[in-house]
């Protein structure tokens, strides 16, 4: 059974892409090529709407980015 897209799914996708873009930028600036390769693979999976990766980006990387923006890290 094919999953129907909803507005919430589209929002989750867009937010996950923005969070991942920031994580990729931070990884590039730290010159960590292994981490960058992993993130680029995850980016491709997001474009394929891999819900597991989208949830990981929103919950794990989202928390990291939020902490950086608040000055906690």
C-alpha atoms as a PDB file:
ATOM      1  CA  UNK A   1       0.000   0.000   0.000  1.00  0.00           C
ATOM      2  CA  UNK A   2       1.439   3.341  -1.048  1.00  0.00           C
ATOM      3  CA  UNK A   3       1.609   6.101   1.539  1.00  0.00           C
ATOM      4  CA  UNK A   4      -0.291   9.278   0.682  1.00  0.00           C
ATOM      5  CA  UNK A   5       1.648  12.501   1.105  1.00  0.00           C
ATOM      6  CA  UNK A   6       0.272  15.015   3.532  1.00  0.00           C
ATOM      7  CA  UNK A   7       1.217  18.589   4.276  1.00  0.00           C
ATOM      8  CA  UNK A   8       2.883  17.452   7.495  1.00  0.00           C
ATOM      9  CA  UNK A   9       5.028  14.968   5.576  1.00  0.00           C
ATOM     10  CA  UNK A  10       6.148  17.738   3.242  1.00  0.00           C
ATOM     11  CA  UNK A  11       6.992  20.015   6.166  1.00  0.00           C
ATOM     12  CA  UNK A  12       8.992  17.246   7.868  1.00  0.00           C
ATOM     13  CA  UNK A  13      10.901  16.666   4.636  1.00  0.00           C
ATOM     14  CA  UNK A  14      11.711  20.356   4.161  1.00  0.00           C
ATOM     15  CA  UNK A  15      12.767  20.868   7.793  1.00  0.00           C
ATOM     16  CA  UNK A  16      14.927  17.742   7.709  1.00  0.00           C
ATOM     17  CA  UNK A  17      16.663  19.012   4.566  1.00  0.00           C
ATOM     18  CA  UNK A  18      17.382  22.383   6.186  1.00  0.00           C
ATOM     19  CA  UNK A  19      18.759  20.765   9.347  1.00  0.00           C
ATOM     20  CA  UNK A  20      20.890  18.394   7.289  1.00  0.00           C
ATOM     21  CA  UNK A  21      22.191  21.283   5.180  1.00  0.00           C
ATOM     22  CA  UNK A  22      23.382  23.025   8.335  1.00  0.00           C
ATOM     23  CA  UNK A  23      24.943  19.802   9.630  1.00  0.00           C
ATOM     24  CA  UNK A  24      26.726  19.322   6.275  1.00  0.00           C
ATOM     25  CA  UNK A  25      28.043  22.903   6.385  1.00  0.00           C
ATOM     26  CA  UNK A  26      29.391  22.396   9.907  1.00  0.00           C
ATOM     27  CA  UNK A  27      30.983  19.107   8.889  1.00  0.00           C
ATOM     28  CA  UNK A  28      32.654  20.702   5.861  1.00  0.00           C
ATOM     29  CA  UNK A  29      34.065  23.466   8.063  1.00  0.00           C
ATOM     30  CA  UNK A  30      35.514  20.863  10.441  1.00  0.00           C
ATOM     31  CA  UNK A  31      37.099  18.998   7.489  1.00  0.00           C
ATOM     32  CA  UNK A  32      35.644  15.610   8.460  1.00  0.00           C
ATOM     33  CA  UNK A  33      35.389  13.734   5.154  1.00  0.00           C
ATOM     34  CA  UNK A  34      34.087  10.472   6.651  1.00  0.00           C
ATOM     35  CA  UNK A  35      31.214  12.233   8.387  1.00  0.00           C
ATOM     36  CA  UNK A  36      30.515  14.255   5.240  1.00  0.00           C
ATOM     37  CA  UNK A  37      30.231  11.084   3.156  1.00  0.00           C
ATOM     38  CA  UNK A  38      27.755   9.646   5.663  1.00  0.00           C
ATOM     39  CA  UNK A  39      25.679  12.829   5.635  1.00  0.00           C
ATOM     40  CA  UNK A  40      25.562  12.945   1.829  1.00  0.00           C
ATOM     41  CA  UNK A  41      24.259   9.376   1.769  1.00  0.00           C
ATOM     42  CA  UNK A  42      21.606  10.354   4.318  1.00  0.00           C
ATOM     43  CA  UNK A  43      20.694  13.342   2.134  1.00  0.00           C
ATOM     44  CA  UNK A  44      20.017  11.022  -0.807  1.00  0.00           C
ATOM     45  CA  UNK A  45      17.862   8.834   1.431  1.00  0.00           C
ATOM     46  CA  UNK A  46      15.853  11.858   2.533  1.00  0.00           C
ATOM     47  CA  UNK A  47      15.105  12.694  -1.096  1.00  0.00           C
ATOM     48  CA  UNK A  48      13.800   9.115  -1.395  1.00  0.00           C
ATOM     49  CA  UNK A  49      11.614   9.831   1.639  1.00  0.00           C
ATOM     50  CA  UNK A  50      13.268   7.386   4.022  1.00  0.00           C
ATOM     51  CA  UNK A  51      11.231   8.072   7.155  1.00  0.00           C
ATOM     52  CA  UNK A  52      13.834   6.512   9.457  1.00  0.00           C
ATOM     53  CA  UNK A  53      16.509   8.940   8.234  1.00  0.00           C
ATOM     54  CA  UNK A  54      14.092  11.892   8.292  1.00  0.00           C
ATOM     55  CA  UNK A  55      13.233  11.128  11.918  1.00  0.00           C
ATOM     56  CA  UNK A  56      16.945  10.750  12.778  1.00  0.00           C
ATOM     57  CA  UNK A  57      17.756  14.111  11.222  1.00  0.00           C
ATOM     58  CA  UNK A  58      14.846  15.838  12.961  1.00  0.00           C
ATOM     59  CA  UNK A  59      15.500  14.328  16.384  1.00  0.00           C
ATOM     60  CA  UNK A  60      19.269  13.801  16.608  1.00  0.00           C
ATOM     61  CA  UNK A  61      20.753  16.438  14.329  1.00  0.00           C
ATOM     62  CA  UNK A  62      17.917  18.844  15.118  1.00  0.00           C
ATOM     63  CA  UNK A  63      18.813  18.715  18.814  1.00  0.00           C
ATOM     64  CA  UNK A  64      22.502  19.252  18.006  1.00  0.00           C
ATOM     65  CA  UNK A  65      21.763  22.264  15.808  1.00  0.00           C
ATOM     66  CA  UNK A  66      19.318  23.704  18.339  1.00  0.00           C
ATOM     67  CA  UNK A  67      22.007  23.427  21.020  1.00  0.00           C
ATOM     68  CA  UNK A  68      24.542  25.183  18.798  1.00  0.00           C
ATOM     69  CA  UNK A  69      22.117  27.984  18.022  1.00  0.00           C
ATOM     70  CA  UNK A  70      21.366  28.433  21.725  1.00  0.00           C
ATOM     71  CA  UNK A  71      25.092  28.443  22.500  1.00  0.00           C
ATOM     72  CA  UNK A  72      24.955  25.240  24.530  1.00  0.00           C
ATOM     73  CA  UNK A  73      27.763  23.514  22.605  1.00  0.00           C
END
